[in-house]
Amino acid sequence: MIVFSIQTVAYLLVGLRLEGAALALSIGCFGVVAWSVPSIMIALVGDLVGAQNTVRVFGLITFIFGLGQIAGPYFAGIMAEKTGSFAGAFIMAAMLTVTAVAVSSRLKVPKTG
């Protein structure tokens, strides 16, 4: 939840078109958490499905993530062409990370042993 919250701040600082120190703070926030999501996902998948199924499930998650990596820039480009700015795309990204915070808050702690 913390990672997605920090990403939300990073996206909002850009989406609200703040400049100067806010832009530097956005870059710093994103840089701190950008590549932590795959590590968190592999740990979560391992906890939820066990060691035997982790690679298969993580492969599926990576495939779905890849679809987002393809579609995201495409739709952001369409939004930017229609509005003249990428600000809307960053606001939408912030809304999606807020959704990720909400979904993450509902995850159950896996039973151990």
PDB file of N, CA and C in Angstrom:
ATOM      1  N   MET A   1       0.825  -1.193   0.000  1.00  0.00           N
ATOM      2  CA  MET A   1       0.000   0.000   0.000  1.00  0.00           C
ATOM      3  C   MET A   1       0.868   1.254   0.000  1.00  0.00           C
ATOM      4  N   ILE A   2       1.980   1.177   0.708  1.00  0.00           N
ATOM      5  CA  ILE A   2       2.878   2.334   0.778  1.00  0.00           C
ATOM      6  C   ILE A   2       3.454   2.649  -0.598  1.00  0.00           C
ATOM      7  N   VAL A   3       3.860   1.618  -1.322  1.00  0.00           N
ATOM      8  CA  VAL A   3       4.431   1.819  -2.663  1.00  0.00           C
ATOM      9  C   VAL A   3       3.418   2.498  -3.577  1.00  0.00           C
ATOM     10  N   PHE A   4       2.182   2.006  -3.592  1.00  0.00           N
ATOM     11  CA  PHE A   4       1.168   2.605  -4.449  1.00  0.00           C
ATOM     12  C   PHE A   4       0.819   4.028  -4.003  1.00  0.00           C
ATOM     13  N   SER A   5       0.873   4.281  -2.710  1.00  0.00           N
ATOM     14  CA  SER A   5       0.620   5.641  -2.212  1.00  0.00           C
ATOM     15  C   SER A   5       1.701   6.603  -2.686  1.00  0.00           C
ATOM     16  N   ILE A   6       2.943   6.160  -2.635  1.00  0.00           N
ATOM     17  CA  ILE A   6       4.048   7.008  -3.101  1.00  0.00           C
ATOM     18  C   ILE A   6       3.942   7.238  -4.603  1.00  0.00           C
ATOM     19  N   GLN A   7       3.556   6.200  -5.352  1.00  0.00           N
ATOM     20  CA  GLN A   7       3.357   6.384  -6.785  1.00  0.00           C
ATOM     21  C   GLN A   7       2.236   7.380  -7.058  1.00  0.00           C
ATOM     22  N   THR A   8       1.180   7.332  -6.266  1.00  0.00           N
ATOM     23  CA  THR A   8       0.072   8.284  -6.434  1.00  0.00           C
ATOM     24  C   THR A   8       0.576   9.712  -6.282  1.00  0.00           C
ATOM     25  N   VAL A   9       1.385   9.955  -5.269  1.00  0.00           N
ATOM     26  CA  VAL A   9       1.942  11.299  -5.057  1.00  0.00           C
ATOM     27  C   VAL A   9       2.780  11.711  -6.261  1.00  0.00           C
ATOM     28  N   ALA A  10       3.608  10.786  -6.756  1.00  0.00           N
ATOM     29  CA  ALA A  10       4.464  11.104  -7.902  1.00  0.00           C
ATOM     30  C   ALA A  10       3.620  11.487  -9.122  1.00  0.00           C
ATOM     31  N   TYR A  11       2.570  10.719  -9.397  1.00  0.00           N
ATOM     32  CA  TYR A  11       1.715  11.008 -10.551  1.00  0.00           C
ATOM     33  C   TYR A  11       0.953  12.319 -10.379  1.00  0.00           C
ATOM     34  N   LEU A  12       0.446  12.556  -9.171  1.00  0.00           N
ATOM     35  CA  LEU A  12      -0.315  13.786  -8.937  1.00  0.00           C
ATOM     36  C   LEU A  12       0.547  15.031  -9.088  1.00  0.00           C
ATOM     37  N   LEU A  13       1.778  14.973  -8.608  1.00  0.00           N
ATOM     38  CA  LEU A  13       2.654  16.138  -8.710  1.00  0.00           C
ATOM     39  C   LEU A  13       2.894  16.528 -10.160  1.00  0.00           C
ATOM     40  N   VAL A  14       2.950  15.539 -11.047  1.00  0.00           N
ATOM     41  CA  VAL A  14       3.109  15.839 -12.476  1.00  0.00           C
ATOM     42  C   VAL A  14       1.760  16.213 -13.089  1.00  0.00           C
ATOM     43  N   GLY A  15       0.721  15.434 -12.757  1.00  0.00           N
ATOM     44  CA  GLY A  15      -0.603  15.655 -13.338  1.00  0.00           C
ATOM     45  C   GLY A  15      -1.203  16.999 -13.004  1.00  0.00           C
ATOM     46  N   LEU A  16      -0.861  17.521 -11.847  1.00  0.00           N
ATOM     47  CA  LEU A  16      -1.373  18.840 -11.449  1.00  0.00           C
ATOM     48  C   LEU A  16      -0.533  19.976 -12.027  1.00  0.00           C
ATOM     49  N   ARG A  17       0.447  19.601 -12.836  1.00  0.00           N
ATOM     50  CA  ARG A  17       1.315  20.556 -13.530  1.00  0.00           C
ATOM     51  C   ARG A  17       2.102  21.459 -12.587  1.00  0.00           C
ATOM     52  N   LEU A  18       2.503  20.898 -11.462  1.00  0.00           N
ATOM     53  CA  LEU A  18       3.350  21.639 -10.540  1.00  0.00           C
ATOM     54  C   LEU A  18       4.771  21.638 -11.085  1.00  0.00           C
ATOM     55  N   GLU A  19       5.509  22.671 -10.805  1.00  0.00           N
ATOM     56  CA  GLU A  19       6.847  22.799 -11.371  1.00  0.00           C
ATOM     57  C   GLU A  19       7.898  22.875 -10.275  1.00  0.00           C
ATOM     58  N   GLY A  20       9.140  22.946 -10.685  1.00  0.00           N
ATOM     59  CA  GLY A  20      10.257  23.153  -9.777  1.00  0.00           C
ATOM     60  C   GLY A  20      10.459  22.011  -8.802  1.00  0.00           C
ATOM     61  N   ALA A  21      10.423  22.339  -7.517  1.00  0.00           N
ATOM     62  CA  ALA A  21      10.680  21.352  -6.466  1.00  0.00           C
ATOM     63  C   ALA A  21       9.654  20.223  -6.493  1.00  0.00           C
ATOM     64  N   ALA A  22       8.426  20.525  -6.884  1.00  0.00           N
ATOM     65  CA  ALA A  22       7.386  19.489  -6.952  1.00  0.00           C
ATOM     66  C   ALA A  22       7.740  18.451  -8.012  1.00  0.00           C
ATOM     67  N   LEU A  23       8.265  18.904  -9.140  1.00  0.00           N
ATOM     68  CA  LEU A  23       8.672  17.978 -10.183  1.00  0.00           C
ATOM     69  C   LEU A  23       9.847  17.123  -9.714  1.00  0.00           C
ATOM     70  N   ALA A  24      10.798  17.733  -9.036  1.00  0.00           N
ATOM     71  CA  ALA A  24      11.928  16.976  -8.494  1.00  0.00           C
ATOM     72  C   ALA A  24      11.451  15.968  -7.457  1.00  0.00           C
ATOM     73  N   LEU A  25      10.501  16.354  -6.618  1.00  0.00           N
ATOM     74  CA  LEU A  25       9.943  15.439  -5.625  1.00  0.00           C
ATOM     75  C   LEU A  25       9.224  14.280  -6.316  1.00  0.00           C
ATOM     76  N   SER A  26       8.507  14.568  -7.385  1.00  0.00           N
ATOM     77  CA  SER A  26       7.825  13.526  -8.148  1.00  0.00           C
ATOM     78  C   SER A  26       8.828  12.512  -8.693  1.00  0.00           C
ATOM     79  N   ILE A  27       9.894  13.006  -9.275  1.00  0.00           N
ATOM     80  CA  ILE A  27      10.934  12.124  -9.821  1.00  0.00           C
ATOM     81  C   ILE A  27      11.544  11.282  -8.712  1.00  0.00           C
ATOM     82  N   GLY A  28      11.807  11.904  -7.575  1.00  0.00           N
ATOM     83  CA  GLY A  28      12.366  11.165  -6.440  1.00  0.00           C
ATOM     84  C   GLY A  28      11.424  10.092  -5.925  1.00  0.00           C
ATOM     85  N   CYS A  29      10.152  10.446  -5.779  1.00  0.00           N
ATOM     86  CA  CYS A  29       9.153   9.474  -5.302  1.00  0.00           C
ATOM     87  C   CYS A  29       9.061   8.288  -6.246  1.00  0.00           C
ATOM     88  N   PHE A  30       8.957   8.581  -7.529  1.00  0.00           N
ATOM     89  CA  PHE A  30       8.823   7.499  -8.497  1.00  0.00           C
ATOM     90  C   PHE A  30      10.084   6.644  -8.525  1.00  0.00           C
ATOM     91  N   GLY A  31      11.236   7.285  -8.456  1.00  0.00           N
ATOM     92  CA  GLY A  31      12.496   6.542  -8.478  1.00  0.00           C
ATOM     93  C   GLY A  31      12.662   5.598  -7.303  1.00  0.00           C
ATOM     94  N   VAL A  32      12.128   5.976  -6.169  1.00  0.00           N
ATOM     95  CA  VAL A  32      12.248   5.139  -4.973  1.00  0.00           C
ATOM     96  C   VAL A  32      11.418   3.863  -5.090  1.00  0.00           C
ATOM     97  N   VAL A  33      10.251   3.940  -5.741  1.00  0.00           N
ATOM     98  CA  VAL A  33       9.333   2.800  -5.727  1.00  0.00           C
ATOM     99  C   VAL A  33       9.112   2.133  -7.081  1.00  0.00           C
ATOM    100  N   ALA A  34       9.623   2.694  -8.161  1.00  0.00           N
ATOM    101  CA  ALA A  34       9.263   2.231  -9.506  1.00  0.00           C
ATOM    102  C   ALA A  34       9.477   0.738  -9.717  1.00  0.00           C
ATOM    103  N   TRP A  35      10.565   0.207  -9.300  1.00  0.00           N
ATOM    104  CA  TRP A  35      10.869  -1.189  -9.591  1.00  0.00           C
ATOM    105  C   TRP A  35      10.623  -2.097  -8.403  1.00  0.00           C
ATOM    106  N   SER A  36       9.914  -1.625  -7.406  1.00  0.00           N
ATOM    107  CA  SER A  36       9.614  -2.478  -6.249  1.00  0.00           C
ATOM    108  C   SER A  36       8.382  -3.351  -6.480  1.00  0.00           C
ATOM    109  N   VAL A  37       7.506  -2.964  -7.388  1.00  0.00           N
ATOM    110  CA  VAL A  37       6.266  -3.714  -7.606  1.00  0.00           C
ATOM    111  C   VAL A  37       6.535  -5.164  -8.045  1.00  0.00           C
ATOM    112  N   PRO A  38       7.424  -5.433  -9.001  1.00  0.00           N
ATOM    113  CA  PRO A  38       7.663  -6.843  -9.354  1.00  0.00           C
ATOM    114  C   PRO A  38       8.153  -7.688  -8.167  1.00  0.00           C
ATOM    115  N   SER A  39       9.006  -7.126  -7.339  1.00  0.00           N
ATOM    116  CA  SER A  39       9.491  -7.868  -6.165  1.00  0.00           C
ATOM    117  C   SER A  39       8.366  -8.150  -5.181  1.00  0.00           C
ATOM    118  N   ILE A  40       7.519  -7.164  -4.984  1.00  0.00           N
ATOM    119  CA  ILE A  40       6.378  -7.343  -4.083  1.00  0.00           C
ATOM    120  C   ILE A  40       5.424  -8.392  -4.646  1.00  0.00           C
ATOM    121  N   MET A  41       5.198  -8.336  -5.957  1.00  0.00           N
ATOM    122  CA  MET A  41       4.276  -9.295  -6.583  1.00  0.00           C
ATOM    123  C   MET A  41       4.791 -10.718  -6.488  1.00  0.00           C
ATOM    124  N   ILE A  42       6.075 -10.939  -6.705  1.00  0.00           N
ATOM    125  CA  ILE A  42       6.608 -12.304  -6.630  1.00  0.00           C
ATOM    126  C   ILE A  42       6.517 -12.829  -5.205  1.00  0.00           C
ATOM    127  N   ALA A  43       6.762 -11.974  -4.218  1.00  0.00           N
ATOM    128  CA  ALA A  43       6.636 -12.397  -2.821  1.00  0.00           C
ATOM    129  C   ALA A  43       5.186 -12.718  -2.486  1.00  0.00           C
ATOM    130  N   LEU A  44       4.251 -11.885  -2.943  1.00  0.00           N
ATOM    131  CA  LEU A  44       2.835 -12.120  -2.691  1.00  0.00           C
ATOM    132  C   LEU A  44       2.361 -13.405  -3.362  1.00  0.00           C
ATOM    133  N   VAL A  45       2.747 -13.586  -4.624  1.00  0.00           N
ATOM    134  CA  VAL A  45       2.353 -14.799  -5.334  1.00  0.00           C
ATOM    135  C   VAL A  45       2.899 -16.031  -4.628  1.00  0.00           C
ATOM    136  N   GLY A  46       4.141 -15.975  -4.203  1.00  0.00           N
ATOM    137  CA  GLY A  46       4.730 -17.101  -3.474  1.00  0.00           C
ATOM    138  C   GLY A  46       3.961 -17.418  -2.203  1.00  0.00           C
ATOM    139  N   ASP A  47       3.544 -16.384  -1.493  1.00  0.00           N
ATOM    140  CA  ASP A  47       2.775 -16.589  -0.263  1.00  0.00           C
ATOM    141  C   ASP A  47       1.387 -17.153  -0.549  1.00  0.00           C
ATOM    142  N   LEU A  48       0.772 -16.721  -1.638  1.00  0.00           N
ATOM    143  CA  LEU A  48      -0.608 -17.114  -1.919  1.00  0.00           C
ATOM    144  C   LEU A  48      -0.746 -18.477  -2.593  1.00  0.00           C
ATOM    145  N   VAL A  49       0.168 -18.811  -3.502  1.00  0.00           N
ATOM    146  CA  VAL A  49       0.007 -20.059  -4.257  1.00  0.00           C
ATOM    147  C   VAL A  49       1.057 -21.113  -3.950  1.00  0.00           C
ATOM    148  N   GLY A  50       2.040 -20.782  -3.136  1.00  0.00           N
ATOM    149  CA  GLY A  50       3.075 -21.748  -2.778  1.00  0.00           C
ATOM    150  C   GLY A  50       4.198 -21.795  -3.802  1.00  0.00           C
ATOM    151  N   ALA A  51       5.292 -22.388  -3.382  1.00  0.00           N
ATOM    152  CA  ALA A  51       6.503 -22.421  -4.204  1.00  0.00           C
ATOM    153  C   ALA A  51       6.304 -23.179  -5.513  1.00  0.00           C
ATOM    154  N   GLN A  52       5.486 -24.218  -5.515  1.00  0.00           N
ATOM    155  CA  GLN A  52       5.293 -25.040  -6.712  1.00  0.00           C
ATOM    156  C   GLN A  52       4.620 -24.279  -7.855  1.00  0.00           C
ATOM    157  N   ASN A  53       3.769 -23.344  -7.544  1.00  0.00           N
ATOM    158  CA  ASN A  53       2.998 -22.639  -8.573  1.00  0.00           C
ATOM    159  C   ASN A  53       3.438 -21.197  -8.804  1.00  0.00           C
ATOM    160  N   THR A  54       4.412 -20.738  -8.063  1.00  0.00           N
ATOM    161  CA  THR A  54       4.812 -19.332  -8.132  1.00  0.00           C
ATOM    162  C   THR A  54       5.236 -18.908  -9.527  1.00  0.00           C
ATOM    163  N   VAL A  55       6.084 -19.686 -10.172  1.00  0.00           N
ATOM    164  CA  VAL A  55       6.610 -19.287 -11.485  1.00  0.00           C
ATOM    165  C   VAL A  55       5.477 -19.192 -12.504  1.00  0.00           C
ATOM    166  N   ARG A  56       4.570 -20.149 -12.503  1.00  0.00           N
ATOM    167  CA  ARG A  56       3.468 -20.147 -13.472  1.00  0.00           C
ATOM    168  C   ARG A  56       2.559 -18.928 -13.261  1.00  0.00           C
ATOM    169  N   VAL A  57       2.181 -18.665 -12.015  1.00  0.00           N
ATOM    170  CA  VAL A  57       1.289 -17.542 -11.729  1.00  0.00           C
ATOM    171  C   VAL A  57       2.002 -16.217 -11.978  1.00  0.00           C
ATOM    172  N   PHE A  58       3.272 -16.126 -11.617  1.00  0.00           N
ATOM    173  CA  PHE A  58       4.007 -14.888 -11.866  1.00  0.00           C
ATOM    174  C   PHE A  58       4.151 -14.643 -13.363  1.00  0.00           C
ATOM    175  N   GLY A  59       4.287 -15.692 -14.158  1.00  0.00           N
ATOM    176  CA  GLY A  59       4.319 -15.548 -15.614  1.00  0.00           C
ATOM    177  C   GLY A  59       3.033 -14.942 -16.146  1.00  0.00           C
ATOM    178  N   LEU A  60       1.905 -15.402 -15.620  1.00  0.00           N
ATOM    179  CA  LEU A  60       0.612 -14.849 -16.025  1.00  0.00           C
ATOM    180  C   LEU A  60       0.507 -13.371 -15.645  1.00  0.00           C
ATOM    181  N   ILE A  61       0.917 -13.056 -14.427  1.00  0.00           N
ATOM    182  CA  ILE A  61       0.875 -11.662 -13.972  1.00  0.00           C
ATOM    183  C   ILE A  61       1.773 -10.793 -14.855  1.00  0.00           C
ATOM    184  N   THR A  62       2.945 -11.295 -15.209  1.00  0.00           N
ATOM    185  CA  THR A  62       3.870 -10.547 -16.052  1.00  0.00           C
ATOM    186  C   THR A  62       3.275 -10.328 -17.442  1.00  0.00           C
ATOM    187  N   PHE A  63       2.582 -11.332 -17.976  1.00  0.00           N
ATOM    188  CA  PHE A  63       1.911 -11.190 -19.268  1.00  0.00           C
ATOM    189  C   PHE A  63       0.863 -10.079 -19.203  1.00  0.00           C
ATOM    190  N   ILE A  64       0.040 -10.096 -18.166  1.00  0.00           N
ATOM    191  CA  ILE A  64      -1.001  -9.075 -18.004  1.00  0.00           C
ATOM    192  C   ILE A  64      -0.367  -7.696 -17.819  1.00  0.00           C
ATOM    193  N   PHE A  65       0.700  -7.632 -17.045  1.00  0.00           N
ATOM    194  CA  PHE A  65       1.433  -6.384 -16.856  1.00  0.00           C
ATOM    195  C   PHE A  65       1.941  -5.869 -18.208  1.00  0.00           C
ATOM    196  N   GLY A  66       2.432  -6.780 -19.059  1.00  0.00           N
ATOM    197  CA  GLY A  66       2.922  -6.406 -20.382  1.00  0.00           C
ATOM    198  C   GLY A  66       1.835  -5.793 -21.247  1.00  0.00           C
ATOM    199  N   LEU A  67       0.612  -6.327 -21.142  1.00  0.00           N
ATOM    200  CA  LEU A  67      -0.504  -5.738 -21.885  1.00  0.00           C
ATOM    201  C   LEU A  67      -0.723  -4.290 -21.456  1.00  0.00           C
ATOM    202  N   GLY A  68      -0.608  -4.034 -20.159  1.00  0.00           N
ATOM    203  CA  GLY A  68      -0.724  -2.667 -19.658  1.00  0.00           C
ATOM    204  C   GLY A  68       0.404  -1.780 -20.149  1.00  0.00           C
ATOM    205  N   GLN A  69       1.601  -2.358 -20.250  1.00  0.00           N
ATOM    206  CA  GLN A  69       2.756  -1.593 -20.737  1.00  0.00           C
ATOM    207  C   GLN A  69       2.576  -1.202 -22.207  1.00  0.00           C
ATOM    208  N   ILE A  70       1.832  -2.019 -22.943  1.00  0.00           N
ATOM    209  CA  ILE A  70       1.551  -1.697 -24.344  1.00  0.00           C
ATOM    210  C   ILE A  70       0.406  -0.692 -24.441  1.00  0.00           C
ATOM    211  N   ALA A  71      -0.676  -0.960 -23.731  1.00  0.00           N
ATOM    212  CA  ALA A  71      -1.882  -0.141 -23.850  1.00  0.00           C
ATOM    213  C   ALA A  71      -1.732   1.233 -23.194  1.00  0.00           C
ATOM    214  N   GLY A  72      -1.028   1.307 -22.081  1.00  0.00           N
ATOM    215  CA  GLY A  72      -0.911   2.560 -21.332  1.00  0.00           C
ATOM    216  C   GLY A  72      -0.379   3.725 -22.155  1.00  0.00           C
ATOM    217  N   PRO A  73       0.792   3.578 -22.773  1.00  0.00           N
ATOM    218  CA  PRO A  73       1.311   4.684 -23.580  1.00  0.00           C
ATOM    219  C   PRO A  73       0.416   5.025 -24.778  1.00  0.00           C
ATOM    220  N   TYR A  74      -0.210   4.020 -25.350  1.00  0.00           N
ATOM    221  CA  TYR A  74      -1.112   4.267 -26.475  1.00  0.00           C
ATOM    222  C   TYR A  74      -2.269   5.173 -26.038  1.00  0.00           C
ATOM    223  N   PHE A  75      -2.947   4.798 -24.959  1.00  0.00           N
ATOM    224  CA  PHE A  75      -4.083   5.590 -24.499  1.00  0.00           C
ATOM    225  C   PHE A  75      -3.654   6.945 -23.942  1.00  0.00           C
ATOM    226  N   ALA A  76      -2.480   6.995 -23.302  1.00  0.00           N
ATOM    227  CA  ALA A  76      -1.967   8.284 -22.828  1.00  0.00           C
ATOM    228  C   ALA A  76      -1.702   9.211 -23.999  1.00  0.00           C
ATOM    229  N   GLY A  77      -1.187   8.661 -25.098  1.00  0.00           N
ATOM    230  CA  GLY A  77      -0.950   9.462 -26.294  1.00  0.00           C
ATOM    231  C   GLY A  77      -2.238  10.000 -26.888  1.00  0.00           C
ATOM    232  N   ILE A  78      -3.266   9.157 -26.923  1.00  0.00           N
ATOM    233  CA  ILE A  78      -4.568   9.613 -27.420  1.00  0.00           C
ATOM    234  C   ILE A  78      -5.101  10.741 -26.540  1.00  0.00           C
ATOM    235  N   MET A  79      -5.004  10.554 -25.220  1.00  0.00           N
ATOM    236  CA  MET A  79      -5.474  11.602 -24.301  1.00  0.00           C
ATOM    237  C   MET A  79      -4.697  12.896 -24.515  1.00  0.00           C
ATOM    238  N   ALA A  80      -3.376  12.782 -24.676  1.00  0.00           N
ATOM    239  CA  ALA A  80      -2.547  13.976 -24.869  1.00  0.00           C
ATOM    240  C   ALA A  80      -2.883  14.686 -26.168  1.00  0.00           C
ATOM    241  N   GLU A  81      -3.155  13.915 -27.227  1.00  0.00           N
ATOM    242  CA  GLU A  81      -3.529  14.545 -28.497  1.00  0.00           C
ATOM    243  C   GLU A  81      -4.846  15.300 -28.388  1.00  0.00           C
ATOM    244  N   LYS A  82      -5.789  14.745 -27.639  1.00  0.00           N
ATOM    245  CA  LYS A  82      -7.102  15.373 -27.513  1.00  0.00           C
ATOM    246  C   LYS A  82      -7.076  16.590 -26.582  1.00  0.00           C
ATOM    247  N   THR A  83      -6.210  16.549 -25.562  1.00  0.00           N
ATOM    248  CA  THR A  83      -6.198  17.632 -24.570  1.00  0.00           C
ATOM    249  C   THR A  83      -5.005  18.567 -24.702  1.00  0.00           C
ATOM    250  N   GLY A  84      -3.982  18.154 -25.436  1.00  0.00           N
ATOM    251  CA  GLY A  84      -2.787  18.978 -25.578  1.00  0.00           C
ATOM    252  C   GLY A  84      -1.799  18.810 -24.442  1.00  0.00           C
ATOM    253  N   SER A  85      -2.019  17.824 -23.580  1.00  0.00           N
ATOM    254  CA  SER A  85      -1.144  17.620 -22.423  1.00  0.00           C
ATOM    255  C   SER A  85      -1.258  16.179 -21.932  1.00  0.00           C
ATOM    256  N   PHE A  86      -0.206  15.722 -21.303  1.00  0.00           N
ATOM    257  CA  PHE A  86      -0.221  14.402 -20.670  1.00  0.00           C
ATOM    258  C   PHE A  86      -0.755  14.459 -19.238  1.00  0.00           C
ATOM    259  N   ALA A  87      -1.154  15.637 -18.780  1.00  0.00           N
ATOM    260  CA  ALA A  87      -1.614  15.791 -17.398  1.00  0.00           C
ATOM    261  C   ALA A  87      -2.767  14.837 -17.076  1.00  0.00           C
ATOM    262  N   GLY A  88      -3.712  14.703 -17.984  1.00  0.00           N
ATOM    263  CA  GLY A  88      -4.848  13.814 -17.759  1.00  0.00           C
ATOM    264  C   GLY A  88      -4.421  12.371 -17.585  1.00  0.00           C
ATOM    265  N   ALA A  89      -3.415  11.952 -18.347  1.00  0.00           N
ATOM    266  CA  ALA A  89      -2.914  10.583 -18.222  1.00  0.00           C
ATOM    267  C   ALA A  89      -2.286  10.369 -16.843  1.00  0.00           C
ATOM    268  N   PHE A  90      -1.575  11.365 -16.345  1.00  0.00           N
ATOM    269  CA  PHE A  90      -0.983  11.234 -15.013  1.00  0.00           C
ATOM    270  C   PHE A  90      -2.052  11.234 -13.921  1.00  0.00           C
ATOM    271  N   ILE A  91      -3.097  12.027 -14.109  1.00  0.00           N
ATOM    272  CA  ILE A  91      -4.205  12.012 -13.142  1.00  0.00           C
ATOM    273  C   ILE A  91      -4.885  10.646 -13.162  1.00  0.00           C
ATOM    274  N   MET A  92      -5.077  10.082 -14.358  1.00  0.00           N
ATOM    275  CA  MET A  92      -5.674   8.750 -14.446  1.00  0.00           C
ATOM    276  C   MET A  92      -4.767   7.702 -13.789  1.00  0.00           C
ATOM    277  N   ALA A  93      -3.465   7.818 -13.982  1.00  0.00           N
ATOM    278  CA  ALA A  93      -2.531   6.898 -13.337  1.00  0.00           C
ATOM    279  C   ALA A  93      -2.634   7.019 -11.816  1.00  0.00           C
ATOM    280  N   ALA A  94      -2.795   8.244 -11.330  1.00  0.00           N
ATOM    281  CA  ALA A  94      -2.958   8.446  -9.888  1.00  0.00           C
ATOM    282  C   ALA A  94      -4.241   7.783  -9.395  1.00  0.00           C
ATOM    283  N   MET A  95      -5.305   7.889 -10.182  1.00  0.00           N
ATOM    284  CA  MET A  95      -6.566   7.247  -9.792  1.00  0.00           C
ATOM    285  C   MET A  95      -6.411   5.728  -9.750  1.00  0.00           C
ATOM    286  N   LEU A  96      -5.658   5.187 -10.685  1.00  0.00           N
ATOM    287  CA  LEU A  96      -5.442   3.743 -10.703  1.00  0.00           C
ATOM    288  C   LEU A  96      -4.578   3.282  -9.523  1.00  0.00           C
ATOM    289  N   THR A  97      -3.590   4.091  -9.148  1.00  0.00           N
ATOM    290  CA  THR A  97      -2.787   3.693  -7.991  1.00  0.00           C
ATOM    291  C   THR A  97      -3.570   3.849  -6.689  1.00  0.00           C
ATOM    292  N   VAL A  98      -4.493   4.792  -6.632  1.00  0.00           N
ATOM    293  CA  VAL A  98      -5.393   4.873  -5.468  1.00  0.00           C
ATOM    294  C   VAL A  98      -6.251   3.605  -5.407  1.00  0.00           C
ATOM    295  N   THR A  99      -6.705   3.154  -6.569  1.00  0.00           N
ATOM    296  CA  THR A  99      -7.455   1.892  -6.622  1.00  0.00           C
ATOM    297  C   THR A  99      -6.581   0.734  -6.142  1.00  0.00           C
ATOM    298  N   ALA A 100      -5.321   0.733  -6.528  1.00  0.00           N
ATOM    299  CA  ALA A 100      -4.398  -0.317  -6.083  1.00  0.00           C
ATOM    300  C   ALA A 100      -4.215  -0.285  -4.564  1.00  0.00           C
ATOM    301  N   VAL A 101      -4.191   0.908  -3.983  1.00  0.00           N
ATOM    302  CA  VAL A 101      -4.110   1.022  -2.521  1.00  0.00           C
ATOM    303  C   VAL A 101      -5.344   0.379  -1.892  1.00  0.00           C
ATOM    304  N   ALA A 102      -6.512   0.683  -2.434  1.00  0.00           N
ATOM    305  CA  ALA A 102      -7.755   0.131  -1.889  1.00  0.00           C
ATOM    306  C   ALA A 102      -7.795  -1.384  -2.020  1.00  0.00           C
ATOM    307  N   VAL A 103      -7.417  -1.907  -3.180  1.00  0.00           N
ATOM    308  CA  VAL A 103      -7.410  -3.355  -3.380  1.00  0.00           C
ATOM    309  C   VAL A 103      -6.381  -4.011  -2.449  1.00  0.00           C
ATOM    310  N   SER A 104      -5.210  -3.400  -2.342  1.00  0.00           N
ATOM    311  CA  SER A 104      -4.169  -3.943  -1.470  1.00  0.00           C
ATOM    312  C   SER A 104      -4.606  -3.992  -0.013  1.00  0.00           C
ATOM    313  N   SER A 105      -5.406  -3.028   0.377  1.00  0.00           N
ATOM    314  CA  SER A 105      -5.841  -2.988   1.778  1.00  0.00           C
ATOM    315  C   SER A 105      -6.783  -4.145   2.112  1.00  0.00           C
ATOM    316  N   ARG A 106      -7.341  -4.765   1.084  1.00  0.00           N
ATOM    317  CA  ARG A 106      -8.280  -5.867   1.297  1.00  0.00           C
ATOM    318  C   ARG A 106      -7.628  -7.249   1.203  1.00  0.00           C
ATOM    319  N   LEU A 107      -6.331  -7.286   0.916  1.00  0.00           N
ATOM    320  CA  LEU A 107      -5.642  -8.574   0.830  1.00  0.00           C
ATOM    321  C   LEU A 107      -5.609  -9.237   2.202  1.00  0.00           C
ATOM    322  N   LYS A 108      -5.829 -10.513   2.216  1.00  0.00           N
ATOM    323  CA  LYS A 108      -5.780 -11.284   3.452  1.00  0.00           C
ATOM    324  C   LYS A 108      -4.348 -11.713   3.725  1.00  0.00           C
ATOM    325  N   VAL A 109      -3.969 -11.764   4.971  1.00  0.00           N
ATOM    326  CA  VAL A 109      -2.650 -12.261   5.341  1.00  0.00           C
ATOM    327  C   VAL A 109      -2.690 -13.783   5.178  1.00  0.00           C
ATOM    328  N   PRO A 110      -1.763 -14.338   4.365  1.00  0.00           N
ATOM    329  CA  PRO A 110      -1.784 -15.783   4.162  1.00  0.00           C
ATOM    330  C   PRO A 110      -1.446 -16.548   5.441  1.00  0.00           C
ATOM    331  N   LYS A 111      -2.068 -17.701   5.590  1.00  0.00           N
ATOM    332  CA  LYS A 111      -1.768 -18.567   6.742  1.00  0.00           C
ATOM    333  C   LYS A 111      -0.429 -19.236   6.501  1.00  0.00           C
ATOM    334  N   THR A 112       0.388 -19.284   7.520  1.00  0.00           N
ATOM    335  CA  THR A 112       1.691 -19.940   7.396  1.00  0.00           C
ATOM    336  C   THR A 112       1.647 -21.305   8.058  1.00  0.00           C
ATOM    337  N   GLY A 113       2.511 -22.180   7.531  1.00  0.00           N
ATOM    338  CA  GLY A 113       2.661 -23.506   8.128  1.00  0.00           C
ATOM    339  C   GLY A 113       1.556 -24.370   7.832  1.00  0.00           C
TER     340      GLY A 113
END
